[in-house]
Protein backbone atom coordinates (compact mmCIF):
# COMPACT_ATOMS: atom_id res chain seq x y z
CA MET A 1 193.61 -5.29 -101.70
CA SER A 2 193.88 -1.66 -100.60
CA LYS A 3 191.51 0.72 -98.85
CA ILE A 4 191.06 3.86 -100.93
CA VAL A 5 189.24 7.03 -99.92
CA VAL A 6 187.83 9.09 -102.79
CA PHE A 7 186.95 12.75 -102.20
CA GLY A 8 184.39 14.03 -104.68
CA ALA A 9 183.12 10.52 -105.36
CA GLY A 10 179.84 11.82 -106.79
CA GLY A 11 181.45 13.63 -109.73
CA LYS A 12 182.39 12.27 -113.14
CA ALA A 13 186.03 11.54 -112.29
CA GLY A 14 185.22 10.39 -108.76
CA ARG A 15 182.53 7.93 -109.83
CA ARG A 16 184.81 6.36 -112.42
CA ALA A 17 187.62 6.08 -109.89
CA VAL A 18 185.32 4.34 -107.40
CA ALA A 19 184.11 1.90 -110.06
CA GLU A 20 187.63 1.11 -111.27
CA ALA A 21 188.93 0.56 -107.75
CA VAL A 22 186.04 -1.78 -106.90
CA SER A 23 186.52 -3.73 -110.14
CA ARG A 24 190.06 -4.53 -109.00
CA GLY A 25 189.00 -5.75 -105.58
CA HIS A 26 189.73 -2.66 -103.49
CA GLN A 27 187.59 -1.35 -100.64
CA VAL A 28 186.46 2.24 -101.18
CA THR A 29 185.19 5.00 -98.93
CA ALA A 30 183.28 7.45 -101.13
CA VAL A 31 183.33 10.93 -99.59
CA VAL A 32 180.59 13.38 -100.60
CA ARG A 33 179.01 16.42 -98.99
CA ASP A 34 175.51 14.87 -98.75
CA PRO A 35 175.39 11.04 -98.72
CA ALA A 36 171.60 11.06 -99.17
CA LYS A 37 172.11 12.30 -102.73
CA TYR A 38 174.52 9.51 -103.63
CA GLU A 39 172.95 6.33 -102.29
CA ASP A 40 173.54 4.75 -105.71
CA LEU A 41 177.26 4.69 -104.94
CA SER A 42 176.83 2.31 -102.01
CA GLY A 43 177.73 -1.32 -102.44
CA GLU A 44 179.41 -4.29 -100.86
CA ALA A 45 182.84 -2.73 -101.40
CA VAL A 46 181.82 0.95 -101.13
CA THR A 47 180.92 2.96 -98.04
CA VAL A 48 179.47 6.42 -98.65
CA VAL A 49 180.25 9.02 -95.98
CA ALA A 50 179.93 12.75 -95.48
CA GLY A 51 183.13 14.75 -95.47
CA ASP A 52 184.64 18.14 -96.21
CA VAL A 53 187.83 18.26 -98.27
CA LEU A 54 188.54 21.74 -96.93
CA ASP A 55 188.56 20.55 -93.31
CA ALA A 56 191.66 18.68 -92.11
CA ASP A 57 189.79 17.19 -89.14
CA SER A 58 187.07 15.82 -91.43
CA ILE A 59 189.70 14.42 -93.78
CA ALA A 60 191.57 12.73 -90.96
CA LYS A 61 188.36 11.14 -89.67
CA VAL A 62 187.13 9.66 -92.97
CA SER A 63 190.60 8.54 -94.13
CA GLU A 64 191.66 6.70 -90.98
CA GLY A 65 192.88 3.20 -91.84
CA HIS A 66 193.16 3.83 -95.59
CA ASP A 67 196.17 3.23 -97.81
CA ALA A 68 195.60 5.88 -100.46
CA ALA A 69 193.41 8.87 -101.29
CA ILE A 70 192.05 10.41 -104.48
CA GLN A 71 191.06 14.08 -104.67
CA ALA A 72 188.45 14.62 -107.40
CA SER A 73 186.19 17.15 -105.72
CA PHE A 74 185.15 20.71 -106.48
CA GLN A 75 182.74 23.08 -104.76
CA PRO A 76 181.10 25.62 -107.10
CA GLY A 77 180.54 29.01 -105.51
CA LEU A 78 183.99 29.27 -103.94
CA PRO A 79 186.91 31.10 -105.58
CA VAL A 80 188.77 28.37 -107.44
CA ASP A 81 192.20 29.23 -106.04
CA GLU A 82 190.75 29.30 -102.54
CA PHE A 83 189.10 25.92 -103.03
CA PHE A 84 191.86 23.98 -104.78
CA GLY A 85 194.70 25.47 -102.78
CA GLY A 86 192.76 25.08 -99.54
CA ALA A 87 191.86 21.49 -100.33
CA ALA A 88 195.48 20.61 -101.02
CA ARG A 89 196.63 22.09 -97.71
CA ALA A 90 193.81 20.41 -95.78
CA LEU A 91 194.53 17.05 -97.43
CA VAL A 92 198.20 17.21 -96.52
CA LYS A 93 197.30 17.92 -92.89
CA GLY A 94 194.40 15.49 -92.60
CA LEU A 95 196.01 12.58 -94.44
CA GLY A 96 199.20 13.16 -92.50
CA ARG A 97 197.29 12.69 -89.25
CA SER A 98 195.57 9.52 -90.41
CA GLY A 99 198.71 7.98 -91.89
CA VAL A 100 197.63 7.79 -95.54
CA GLY A 101 200.82 7.60 -97.58
CA ARG A 102 199.68 8.10 -101.19
CA LEU A 103 197.56 10.94 -102.63
CA LEU A 104 196.36 11.11 -106.24
CA VAL A 105 194.92 14.42 -107.41
CA VAL A 106 192.87 14.95 -110.56
CA GLY A 107 194.47 17.88 -112.33
CA ILE A 108 193.52 19.84 -115.44
CA GLY A 109 195.02 19.68 -118.91
CA THR A 110 195.06 23.43 -119.44
CA ALA A 111 197.77 23.74 -116.77
CA LEU A 112 200.10 21.57 -118.87
CA GLU A 113 202.75 23.19 -121.03
CA VAL A 114 202.63 23.55 -124.81
CA SER A 115 206.21 24.87 -124.84
CA PRO A 116 208.78 25.38 -122.06
CA GLY A 117 207.24 27.67 -119.46
CA VAL A 118 204.04 28.29 -121.43
CA ALA A 119 200.88 26.60 -120.19
CA VAL A 120 197.82 26.02 -122.34
CA HIS A 121 195.98 28.68 -120.32
CA ASP A 122 198.67 31.22 -121.27
CA THR A 123 198.24 30.81 -125.02
CA PRO A 124 196.68 33.64 -127.08
CA ASP A 125 192.88 33.95 -127.04
CA PHE A 126 192.46 31.43 -124.24
CA PRO A 127 189.12 32.19 -122.50
CA GLU A 128 189.58 34.21 -119.31
CA GLU A 129 187.05 32.19 -117.33
CA GLY A 130 188.86 28.98 -118.25
CA ARG A 131 192.19 30.55 -117.37
CA ILE A 132 190.96 31.48 -113.89
CA PHE A 133 189.78 27.90 -113.30
CA SER A 134 193.07 26.51 -114.57
CA LEU A 135 195.05 28.83 -112.30
CA GLY A 136 193.06 27.42 -109.40
CA HIS A 137 194.60 24.04 -110.18
CA VAL A 138 198.01 25.71 -110.34
CA ALA A 139 197.42 27.01 -106.80
CA GLU A 140 196.66 23.42 -105.78
CA LEU A 141 199.91 22.17 -107.29
CA GLU A 142 201.90 24.96 -105.64
CA ALA A 143 200.37 24.14 -102.26
CA LEU A 144 201.47 20.52 -102.63
CA GLU A 145 204.95 21.50 -103.79
CA GLN A 146 205.40 23.82 -100.82
CA ALA A 147 204.05 21.40 -98.23
CA GLU A 148 206.44 19.78 -95.79
CA THR A 149 205.00 16.28 -95.86
CA GLU A 150 205.99 12.66 -96.26
CA ILE A 151 202.88 11.96 -98.32
CA ASP A 152 203.72 10.68 -101.80
CA TRP A 153 201.40 12.91 -103.84
CA LEU A 154 200.85 13.08 -107.58
CA VAL A 155 198.73 15.33 -109.80
CA LEU A 156 197.50 13.56 -112.96
CA ALA A 157 196.32 15.91 -115.72
CA PRO A 158 194.28 14.58 -118.65
CA PRO A 159 194.45 16.21 -122.10
CA PRO A 160 193.17 19.81 -122.39
CA ALA A 161 189.88 18.77 -123.99
CA VAL A 162 186.41 17.65 -122.97
CA LEU A 163 186.69 14.08 -121.68
CA ASP A 164 184.43 11.31 -122.94
CA ASN A 165 181.95 10.44 -120.18
CA GLU A 166 180.28 7.61 -122.11
CA ALA A 167 183.15 5.22 -122.77
CA GLU A 168 182.96 2.11 -120.62
CA ARG A 169 186.08 0.23 -121.70
CA PRO A 170 189.44 1.92 -121.19
CA GLY A 171 191.93 2.27 -123.99
CA ARG A 172 195.68 2.44 -123.84
CA TYR A 173 197.20 5.51 -122.26
CA THR A 174 200.60 7.11 -121.89
CA SER A 175 201.92 9.31 -119.12
CA GLY A 176 204.91 11.44 -118.28
CA GLY A 177 206.14 15.01 -117.97
CA ARG A 178 204.18 18.22 -117.50
CA SER A 179 203.73 18.98 -121.21
CA VAL A 180 200.68 18.16 -123.32
CA LEU A 181 201.21 14.69 -124.74
CA PRO A 182 200.56 13.95 -128.43
CA SER A 183 197.75 11.55 -129.23
CA GLU A 184 197.90 8.82 -131.82
CA GLU A 185 196.15 9.52 -135.10
CA GLY A 186 192.69 8.01 -135.03
CA ALA A 187 192.78 7.30 -131.30
CA PRO A 188 189.48 7.70 -129.42
CA ALA A 189 188.99 10.69 -127.15
CA PHE A 190 190.48 10.35 -123.68
CA SER A 191 187.75 9.35 -121.26
CA TYR A 192 186.98 9.52 -117.56
CA THR A 193 187.34 5.74 -117.58
CA ASP A 194 190.88 6.10 -118.94
CA LEU A 195 191.64 8.64 -116.23
CA ALA A 196 190.30 6.29 -113.56
CA VAL A 197 192.52 3.48 -114.82
CA ALA A 198 195.56 5.76 -114.63
CA LEU A 199 194.65 6.84 -111.08
CA ILE A 200 194.27 3.31 -109.76
CA ASP A 201 197.37 2.14 -111.63
CA GLU A 202 199.35 4.80 -109.78
CA ILE A 203 198.01 3.51 -106.48
CA GLU A 204 198.74 -0.13 -107.22
CA ALA A 205 202.14 0.42 -108.88
CA PRO A 206 203.40 4.00 -108.43
CA LYS A 207 205.54 5.28 -111.31
CA HIS A 208 205.47 9.03 -110.69
CA HIS A 209 206.02 10.96 -107.51
CA ARG A 210 205.51 14.52 -106.24
CA ALA A 211 204.89 16.04 -109.65
CA LEU A 212 202.35 17.20 -112.19
CA VAL A 213 202.16 14.46 -114.81
CA ALA A 214 200.23 14.40 -118.08
CA VAL A 215 198.18 11.40 -119.18
CA ALA A 216 196.78 10.91 -122.68
């Protein structure tokens, strides 16, 4: 059993990650900005706390004594590059102080490559608003790549499509590389549940390290 701290536990990816971790017997600290809004997350294996993913001191405090962390948070209203890049830098500092050795980050599929050196967000006619959001995730990845840290971090990026938020049972998934992965003909849409399984799998039995990795 591990102790896992999940930042952004109130969101779609965060909630699924909390549920998957608990189903496997892990203890979870669910970090949100306002715990009063997320009392439904509380349970025997889940402690809901207030925290700020942009503040290294806050991160160090809520992550003390944990084995791994998941970053699934976003704060609307802030420039995306400022938020994602700032969160990555704060996590490296805060988790480094508290001794957390493994960090899983929820990435975005539009930052994956469709051909060498060409990301989905660089393809013709890609919406500018979506491109800006995707580049925010790129800033996050660059901050992690440039950090001098012993933390074993990993960015997992789901397919560049709307994820299924209704599926309860996970399907099979594949992972590897920073290019968009092909999906099997007739396969169901990738879901937040699938993503949660991949995140917790990488905590229990790490296969990828210090990279952007596609899952599908």
